[in-house]
Structures are given as C-alpha cells and as structure tokens.
C-alpha atoms as a PDB file:
ATOM      1  CA  UNK A   1     -64.401  11.802 -96.200  1.00  0.00           C
ATOM      2  CA  UNK A   2     -65.378   8.586 -97.943  1.00  0.00           C
ATOM      3  CA  UNK A   3     -65.037   6.736 -94.655  1.00  0.00           C
ATOM      4  CA  UNK A   4     -67.414   9.176 -92.945  1.00  0.00           C
ATOM      5  CA  UNK A   5     -69.930   8.800 -95.780  1.00  0.00           C
ATOM      6  CA  UNK A   6     -69.760   5.006 -95.511  1.00  0.00           C
ATOM      7  CA  UNK A   7     -70.388   5.227 -91.767  1.00  0.00           C
ATOM      8  CA  UNK A   8     -73.391   7.467 -92.355  1.00  0.00           C
ATOM      9  CA  UNK A   9     -74.749   5.087 -94.983  1.00  0.00           C
ATOM     10  CA  UNK A  10     -74.337   2.132 -92.617  1.00  0.00           C
ATOM     11  CA  UNK A  11     -76.142   4.011 -89.875  1.00  0.00           C
ATOM     12  CA  UNK A  12     -78.913   4.959 -92.286  1.00  0.00           C
ATOM     13  CA  UNK A  13     -79.292   1.339 -93.434  1.00  0.00           C
ATOM     14  CA  UNK A  14     -79.324   0.124 -89.837  1.00  0.00           C
ATOM     15  CA  UNK A  15     -81.984   2.679 -89.007  1.00  0.00           C
ATOM     16  CA  UNK A  16     -84.141   1.626 -91.952  1.00  0.00           C
ATOM     17  CA  UNK A  17     -83.769  -2.043 -91.018  1.00  0.00           C
ATOM     18  CA  UNK A  18     -84.811  -1.234 -87.442  1.00  0.00           C
ATOM     19  CA  UNK A  19     -87.855   0.708 -88.642  1.00  0.00           C
ATOM     20  CA  UNK A  20     -88.813  -2.120 -90.984  1.00  0.00           C
ATOM     21  CA  UNK A  21     -88.412  -4.708 -88.218  1.00  0.00           C
ATOM     22  CA  UNK A  22     -90.447  -2.594 -85.805  1.00  0.00           C
ATOM     23  CA  UNK A  23     -93.228  -2.015 -88.329  1.00  0.00           C
ATOM     24  CA  UNK A  24     -93.559  -5.780 -88.730  1.00  0.00           C
ATOM     25  CA  UNK A  25     -92.940  -7.014 -85.186  1.00  0.00           C
ATOM     26  CA  UNK A  26     -94.895  -4.408 -83.193  1.00  0.00           C
ATOM     27  CA  UNK A  27     -98.351  -5.231 -84.652  1.00  0.00           C
ATOM     28  CA  UNK A  28     -97.665  -8.949 -84.168  1.00  0.00           C
ATOM     29  CA  UNK A  29     -96.536  -8.360 -80.592  1.00  0.00           C
ATOM     30  CA  UNK A  30     -99.680  -6.306 -79.881  1.00  0.00           C
ATOM     31  CA  UNK A  31    -102.066  -8.849 -81.400  1.00  0.00           C
ATOM     32  CA  UNK A  32    -100.390 -11.736 -79.566  1.00  0.00           C
ATOM     33  CA  UNK A  33    -100.502  -9.880 -76.260  1.00  0.00           C
ATOM     34  CA  UNK A  34    -104.095  -8.781 -76.791  1.00  0.00           C
ATOM     35  CA  UNK A  35    -105.216 -12.315 -77.644  1.00  0.00           C
ATOM     36  CA  UNK A  36    -103.385 -13.795 -74.662  1.00  0.00           C
ATOM     37  CA  UNK A  37    -104.795 -11.308 -72.168  1.00  0.00           C
ATOM     38  CA  UNK A  38    -108.271 -11.280 -73.682  1.00  0.00           C
ATOM     39  CA  UNK A  39    -108.522 -15.080 -73.616  1.00  0.00           C
ATOM     40  CA  UNK A  40    -107.463 -15.162 -69.964  1.00  0.00           C
ATOM     41  CA  UNK A  41    -110.082 -12.554 -69.006  1.00  0.00           C
ATOM     42  CA  UNK A  42    -112.821 -14.164 -71.110  1.00  0.00           C
ATOM     43  CA  UNK A  43    -112.065 -17.515 -69.484  1.00  0.00           C
ATOM     44  CA  UNK A  44    -112.503 -15.954 -66.058  1.00  0.00           C
ATOM     45  CA  UNK A  45    -115.794 -14.328 -67.154  1.00  0.00           C
ATOM     46  CA  UNK A  46    -116.991 -17.704 -68.407  1.00  0.00           C
ATOM     47  CA  UNK A  47    -116.078 -19.209 -65.040  1.00  0.00           C
ATOM     48  CA  UNK A  48    -118.076 -16.501 -63.246  1.00  0.00           C
ATOM     49  CA  UNK A  49    -121.014 -17.153 -65.573  1.00  0.00           C
ATOM     50  CA  UNK A  50    -120.964 -20.880 -64.818  1.00  0.00           C
ATOM     51  CA  UNK A  51    -120.730 -20.163 -61.090  1.00  0.00           C
ATOM     52  CA  UNK A  52    -123.683 -17.767 -61.312  1.00  0.00           C
ATOM     53  CA  UNK A  53    -125.761 -20.419 -63.062  1.00  0.00           C
ATOM     54  CA  UNK A  54    -124.949 -22.823 -60.224  1.00  0.00           C
ATOM     55  CA  UNK A  55    -125.907 -20.129 -57.706  1.00  0.00           C
ATOM     56  CA  UNK A  56    -129.212 -19.614 -59.494  1.00  0.00           C
ATOM     57  CA  UNK A  57    -129.828 -23.352 -59.302  1.00  0.00           C
ATOM     58  CA  UNK A  58    -129.740 -23.013 -55.512  1.00  0.00           C
ATOM     59  CA  UNK A  59    -131.455 -19.659 -54.920  1.00  0.00           C
ATOM     60  CA  UNK A  60    -133.426 -18.928 -58.092  1.00  0.00           C
ATOM     61  CA  UNK A  61    -131.576 -15.600 -58.426  1.00  0.00           C
ATOM     62  CA  UNK A  62    -128.109 -14.337 -59.348  1.00  0.00           C
ATOM     63  CA  UNK A  63    -125.578 -13.268 -56.743  1.00  0.00           C
ATOM     64  CA  UNK A  64    -125.132  -9.463 -56.487  1.00  0.00           C
ATOM     65  CA  UNK A  65    -121.647  -9.758 -54.953  1.00  0.00           C
ATOM     66  CA  UNK A  66    -118.740 -12.169 -55.139  1.00  0.00           C
ATOM     67  CA  UNK A  67    -118.841 -12.695 -51.376  1.00  0.00           C
ATOM     68  CA  UNK A  68    -122.453 -13.853 -51.613  1.00  0.00           C
ATOM     69  CA  UNK A  69    -121.675 -16.021 -54.637  1.00  0.00           C
ATOM     70  CA  UNK A  70    -118.793 -17.770 -52.880  1.00  0.00           C
ATOM     71  CA  UNK A  71    -120.571 -18.210 -49.568  1.00  0.00           C
ATOM     72  CA  UNK A  72    -123.645 -19.849 -51.074  1.00  0.00           C
ATOM     73  CA  UNK A  73    -121.636 -22.124 -53.376  1.00  0.00           C
ATOM     74  CA  UNK A  74    -119.430 -23.187 -50.468  1.00  0.00           C
ATOM     75  CA  UNK A  75    -122.168 -23.599 -47.858  1.00  0.00           C
ATOM     76  CA  UNK A  76    -125.432 -24.048 -49.804  1.00  0.00           C
ATOM     77  CA  UNK A  77    -127.178 -27.168 -51.084  1.00  0.00           C
ATOM     78  CA  UNK A  78    -128.686 -28.302 -54.361  1.00  0.00           C
ATOM     79  CA  UNK A  79    -132.125 -29.921 -54.322  1.00  0.00           C
ATOM     80  CA  UNK A  80    -132.222 -33.160 -56.321  1.00  0.00           C
ATOM     81  CA  UNK A  81    -135.668 -34.448 -57.283  1.00  0.00           C
ATOM     82  CA  UNK A  82    -136.187 -38.144 -58.042  1.00  0.00           C
ATOM     83  CA  UNK A  83    -139.395 -39.711 -59.351  1.00  0.00           C
ATOM     84  CA  UNK A  84    -140.307 -43.317 -58.580  1.00  0.00           C
ATOM     85  CA  UNK A  85    -142.960 -45.521 -60.177  1.00  0.00           C
ATOM     86  CA  UNK A  86    -144.256 -46.411 -63.628  1.00  0.00           C
ATOM     87  CA  UNK A  87    -147.140 -44.165 -64.637  1.00  0.00           C
ATOM     88  CA  UNK A  88    -147.905 -46.311 -67.689  1.00  0.00           C
ATOM     89  CA  UNK A  89    -148.603 -49.275 -65.422  1.00  0.00           C
ATOM     90  CA  UNK A  90    -151.070 -47.267 -63.382  1.00  0.00           C
ATOM     91  CA  UNK A  91    -148.714 -46.832 -60.457  1.00  0.00           C
ATOM     92  CA  UNK A  92    -148.728 -43.615 -58.501  1.00  0.00           C
ATOM     93  CA  UNK A  93    -145.617 -41.565 -59.096  1.00  0.00           C
ATOM     94  CA  UNK A  94    -143.694 -40.827 -55.935  1.00  0.00           C
ATOM     95  CA  UNK A  95    -141.577 -37.702 -55.711  1.00  0.00           C
ATOM     96  CA  UNK A  96    -138.649 -37.469 -53.327  1.00  0.00           C
ATOM     97  CA  UNK A  97    -136.230 -34.600 -52.769  1.00  0.00           C
ATOM     98  CA  UNK A  98    -132.617 -34.942 -51.693  1.00  0.00           C
ATOM     99  CA  UNK A  99    -130.190 -32.255 -50.579  1.00  0.00           C
ATOM    100  CA  UNK A 100    -126.560 -32.421 -51.676  1.00  0.00           C
ATOM    101  CA  UNK A 101    -123.754 -29.992 -50.732  1.00  0.00           C
ATOM    102  CA  UNK A 102    -123.257 -27.462 -53.531  1.00  0.00           C
ATOM    103  CA  UNK A 103    -119.469 -27.444 -53.173  1.00  0.00           C
ATOM    104  CA  UNK A 104    -119.278 -31.151 -54.043  1.00  0.00           C
ATOM    105  CA  UNK A 105    -121.327 -30.655 -57.189  1.00  0.00           C
ATOM    106  CA  UNK A 106    -119.689 -27.491 -58.506  1.00  0.00           C
ATOM    107  CA  UNK A 107    -116.249 -29.056 -58.328  1.00  0.00           C
ATOM    108  CA  UNK A 108    -117.511 -31.631 -60.846  1.00  0.00           C
ATOM    109  CA  UNK A 109    -119.052 -29.144 -63.289  1.00  0.00           C
ATOM    110  CA  UNK A 110    -117.330 -29.325 -66.681  1.00  0.00           C
ATOM    111  CA  UNK A 111    -117.032 -26.219 -68.844  1.00  0.00           C
ATOM    112  CA  UNK A 112    -114.804 -24.926 -71.645  1.00  0.00           C
ATOM    113  CA  UNK A 113    -112.595 -21.867 -71.428  1.00  0.00           C
ATOM    114  CA  UNK A 114    -112.062 -19.207 -74.098  1.00  0.00           C
ATOM    115  CA  UNK A 115    -109.769 -21.423 -76.195  1.00  0.00           C
ATOM    116  CA  UNK A 116    -111.971 -24.503 -75.942  1.00  0.00           C
ATOM    117  CA  UNK A 117    -110.029 -26.299 -73.230  1.00  0.00           C
ATOM    118  CA  UNK A 118    -111.999 -28.441 -70.787  1.00  0.00           C
ATOM    119  CA  UNK A 119    -112.167 -27.110 -67.231  1.00  0.00           C
ATOM    120  CA  UNK A 120    -113.440 -28.834 -64.114  1.00  0.00           C
ATOM    121  CA  UNK A 121    -115.008 -26.901 -61.242  1.00  0.00           C
ATOM    122  CA  UNK A 122    -114.245 -23.370 -60.105  1.00  0.00           C
ATOM    123  CA  UNK A 123    -111.534 -21.670 -58.098  1.00  0.00           C
ATOM    124  CA  UNK A 124    -113.905 -19.773 -55.839  1.00  0.00           C
ATOM    125  CA  UNK A 125    -111.147 -18.164 -53.774  1.00  0.00           C
ATOM    126  CA  UNK A 126    -109.897 -16.121 -56.744  1.00  0.00           C
ATOM    127  CA  UNK A 127    -112.936 -16.035 -59.014  1.00  0.00           C
ATOM    128  CA  UNK A 128    -113.391 -12.255 -58.722  1.00  0.00           C
ATOM    129  CA  UNK A 129    -109.838 -11.250 -59.692  1.00  0.00           C
ATOM    130  CA  UNK A 130    -109.013  -9.991 -63.199  1.00  0.00           C
ATOM    131  CA  UNK A 131    -105.971 -11.614 -64.861  1.00  0.00           C
ATOM    132  CA  UNK A 132    -103.010  -9.331 -65.684  1.00  0.00           C
ATOM    133  CA  UNK A 133    -103.978  -6.756 -63.076  1.00  0.00           C
ATOM    134  CA  UNK A 134    -102.677  -6.004 -59.622  1.00  0.00           C
ATOM    135  CA  UNK A 135    -105.619  -7.512 -57.761  1.00  0.00           C
ATOM    136  CA  UNK A 136    -108.398  -5.650 -59.592  1.00  0.00           C
ATOM    137  CA  UNK A 137    -111.834  -7.277 -59.493  1.00  0.00           C
ATOM    138  CA  UNK A 138    -114.629  -7.585 -62.037  1.00  0.00           C
ATOM    139  CA  UNK A 139    -117.608  -5.247 -61.756  1.00  0.00           C
ATOM    140  CA  UNK A 140    -120.605  -7.375 -60.788  1.00  0.00           C
ATOM    141  CA  UNK A 141    -124.264  -6.420 -60.412  1.00  0.00           C
ATOM    142  CA  UNK A 142    -127.450  -8.492 -60.215  1.00  0.00           C
ATOM    143  CA  UNK A 143    -131.111  -7.647 -59.734  1.00  0.00           C
ATOM    144  CA  UNK A 144    -134.623  -8.565 -60.883  1.00  0.00           C
ATOM    145  CA  UNK A 145    -136.618  -6.665 -63.501  1.00  0.00           C
ATOM    146  CA  UNK A 146    -139.973  -6.750 -65.252  1.00  0.00           C
ATOM    147  CA  UNK A 147    -139.386  -8.081 -68.743  1.00  0.00           C
ATOM    148  CA  UNK A 148    -142.147  -8.413 -71.340  1.00  0.00           C
ATOM    149  CA  UNK A 149    -144.802  -8.207 -68.599  1.00  0.00           C
ATOM    150  CA  UNK A 150    -143.072 -10.863 -66.484  1.00  0.00           C
ATOM    151  CA  UNK A 151    -142.062  -9.623 -63.056  1.00  0.00           C
ATOM    152  CA  UNK A 152    -139.016 -10.541 -60.986  1.00  0.00           C
ATOM    153  CA  UNK A 153    -136.917 -11.794 -63.891  1.00  0.00           C
ATOM    154  CA  UNK A 154    -133.294 -12.327 -62.706  1.00  0.00           C
ATOM    155  CA  UNK A 155    -130.624 -10.369 -64.578  1.00  0.00           C
ATOM    156  CA  UNK A 156    -126.911  -9.822 -64.052  1.00  0.00           C
ATOM    157  CA  UNK A 157    -123.854  -8.260 -65.597  1.00  0.00           C
ATOM    158  CA  UNK A 158    -120.139  -8.800 -65.043  1.00  0.00           C
ATOM    159  CA  UNK A 159    -117.550  -6.665 -66.819  1.00  0.00           C
ATOM    160  CA  UNK A 160    -114.106  -5.074 -66.815  1.00  0.00           C
ATOM    161  CA  UNK A 161    -112.709  -2.231 -68.965  1.00  0.00           C
ATOM    162  CA  UNK A 162    -110.173  -3.537 -71.472  1.00  0.00           C
ATOM    163  CA  UNK A 163    -107.591  -0.968 -70.426  1.00  0.00           C
ATOM    164  CA  UNK A 164    -107.541  -2.437 -66.906  1.00  0.00           C
ATOM    165  CA  UNK A 165    -105.888  -5.654 -68.083  1.00  0.00           C
ATOM    166  CA  UNK A 166    -103.969  -4.445 -71.134  1.00  0.00           C
ATOM    167  CA  UNK A 167    -101.290  -2.627 -69.127  1.00  0.00           C
ATOM    168  CA  UNK A 168     -98.878  -0.721 -71.399  1.00  0.00           C
ATOM    169  CA  UNK A 169    -100.871  -1.874 -74.424  1.00  0.00           C
ATOM    170  CA  UNK A 170    -103.868   0.201 -73.284  1.00  0.00           C
ATOM    171  CA  UNK A 171    -102.350   3.231 -75.023  1.00  0.00           C
ATOM    172  CA  UNK A 172    -104.695   4.403 -77.836  1.00  0.00           C
ATOM    173  CA  UNK A 173    -101.659   4.429 -80.114  1.00  0.00           C
ATOM    174  CA  UNK A 174    -102.262   0.704 -80.636  1.00  0.00           C
ATOM    175  CA  UNK A 175    -105.555   1.520 -82.321  1.00  0.00           C
ATOM    176  CA  UNK A 176    -103.629   1.697 -85.580  1.00  0.00           C
ATOM    177  CA  UNK A 177    -103.301  -2.100 -85.415  1.00  0.00           C
ATOM    178  CA  UNK A 178    -106.996  -2.730 -84.685  1.00  0.00           C
ATOM    179  CA  UNK A 179    -109.663  -0.314 -85.917  1.00  0.00           C
ATOM    180  CA  UNK A 180    -112.067  -1.253 -83.109  1.00  0.00           C
ATOM    181  CA  UNK A 181    -109.492  -1.001 -80.359  1.00  0.00           C
ATOM    182  CA  UNK A 182    -109.911   2.226 -78.404  1.00  0.00           C
ATOM    183  CA  UNK A 183    -109.785   1.484 -74.645  1.00  0.00           C
ATOM    184  CA  UNK A 184    -110.427   5.122 -73.720  1.00  0.00           C
ATOM    185  CA  UNK A 185    -113.748   5.416 -75.575  1.00  0.00           C
ATOM    186  CA  UNK A 186    -116.792   3.916 -73.758  1.00  0.00           C
ATOM    187  CA  UNK A 187    -118.707   4.043 -77.045  1.00  0.00           C
ATOM    188  CA  UNK A 188    -116.465   1.344 -78.522  1.00  0.00           C
ATOM    189  CA  UNK A 189    -117.544  -2.302 -78.281  1.00  0.00           C
ATOM    190  CA  UNK A 190    -114.057  -3.247 -77.106  1.00  0.00           C
ATOM    191  CA  UNK A 191    -114.102  -0.777 -74.200  1.00  0.00           C
ATOM    192  CA  UNK A 192    -115.440  -3.566 -71.940  1.00  0.00           C
ATOM    193  CA  UNK A 193    -115.269  -7.326 -71.857  1.00  0.00           C
ATOM    194  CA  UNK A 194    -118.589  -8.379 -70.324  1.00  0.00           C
ATOM    195  CA  UNK A 195    -121.440 -10.815 -70.180  1.00  0.00           C
ATOM    196  CA  UNK A 196    -125.054 -10.290 -69.208  1.00  0.00           C
ATOM    197  CA  UNK A 197    -127.346  -7.296 -69.457  1.00  0.00           C
ATOM    198  CA  UNK A 198    -129.284  -5.412 -66.797  1.00  0.00           C
ATOM    199  CA  UNK A 199    -132.176  -4.635 -69.149  1.00  0.00           C
ATOM    200  CA  UNK A 200    -132.950  -8.156 -70.375  1.00  0.00           C
ATOM    201  CA  UNK A 201    -132.448 -11.753 -69.218  1.00  0.00           C
ATOM    202  CA  UNK A 202    -129.322 -12.863 -71.066  1.00  0.00           C
ATOM    203  CA  UNK A 203    -125.906 -14.152 -70.053  1.00  0.00           C
ATOM    204  CA  UNK A 204    -124.345 -13.751 -73.501  1.00  0.00           C
ATOM    205  CA  UNK A 205    -120.822 -12.354 -73.652  1.00  0.00           C
ATOM    206  CA  UNK A 206    -119.833  -9.515 -75.973  1.00  0.00           C
ATOM    207  CA  UNK A 207    -116.932 -11.652 -77.225  1.00  0.00           C
ATOM    208  CA  UNK A 208    -119.346 -14.305 -78.584  1.00  0.00           C
END
C-alpha cells in the first residue's frame, strides 16, 4: 500500500513539475517564435518598401503588382541630372541628363532590416513571398488619390495577415501571452503586418 502511495506521489510531483516547466517555457517559446517570424516578415516588407521607392524614382508612381515592380526595376532606367558651370562667376549653368540601368543601381542600395542589419540590394525574384509560409505572397495595391486638394498623389499598401506566417502559433490560445495578439480579429492592430495607406501618402509601417 505504501509503495502504491509513493508511486502516486512521484507521479503527482512529476506532473506538477511538468506543468510548472510548461507554464514557464511555453510563453518564452511563443515570444521567441513570434519575434523571429515577425522580424523576417518586417524585413521583407522593408525590402518591398525600398524597391517601391526605387520604382517611383523611375516612373513617378508606385507599382500596383509585383510583376510590374520587378520588370521595371530589371529593365528600366534611372535619369541622372548633372549641372555644369559656376553661377556665381556669371557662367550659364548647363544641365545634362544621363540614363543608367536601374538594376545596376538597385543592387547597390543600402538599407537596414528589422533588426538593424545592413542589407545591400534586393532579391527581386523572391521579393513577393512571405517568410514562413508555403509560397504565400504579400497583398499589394497602389493607386493615385486626391489628398488635401492635390490630385494624383501616389499611394500604396503592402500587407499580410499575421496568422498566415505564424503557423501553429496562430491559434488564439496564445493571446494569453500577449494581450494584443488576436490573429482572428481584424479589429486588432496585430491582425496585419503592413506599410502604407490607401487614404493618405505614407509608407510608414504599423510595426514602427
């Protein structure tokens, strides 16, 4: 009888230790996984934003699709303006324009990813794909609007629902570890990771 009681006590202790370990490790595991996946997705959004700024430098607009974005950046040209002459000496200023392939320039663009690491250029062939998904792509839209009485103002938005890249961690049960985390509720700020806004000219990200 005593032996059976001791076994039951050992099992009870083991169960309590497991529950204690789980209560400590599970929130840490969730936060680590969320940070890792979020940083990867934010970095890709920042890359798209930089690429869109380069596209705008060529066309004056934002690209409405990834195919258009990639085609123009691969095949388009930047216009470089150089001024010659010294106006203070009374000389007439000469203005000359040069065309340079966009692809050469964008591969030299320096930018920082979500964790502050320096990046050089863009991987245009995979720029539309969301990390930690099975080939899902970011939602992208661009247009022009009238903003504060100014017509044809370029705007864009790129986004992805958080649950698309969180995999098994998209379960609302993980909300208990982060009060703002509710990937099934579009009203929550963390429902999307995104930058831009279709109602005003901004390229700010909602993670910033």
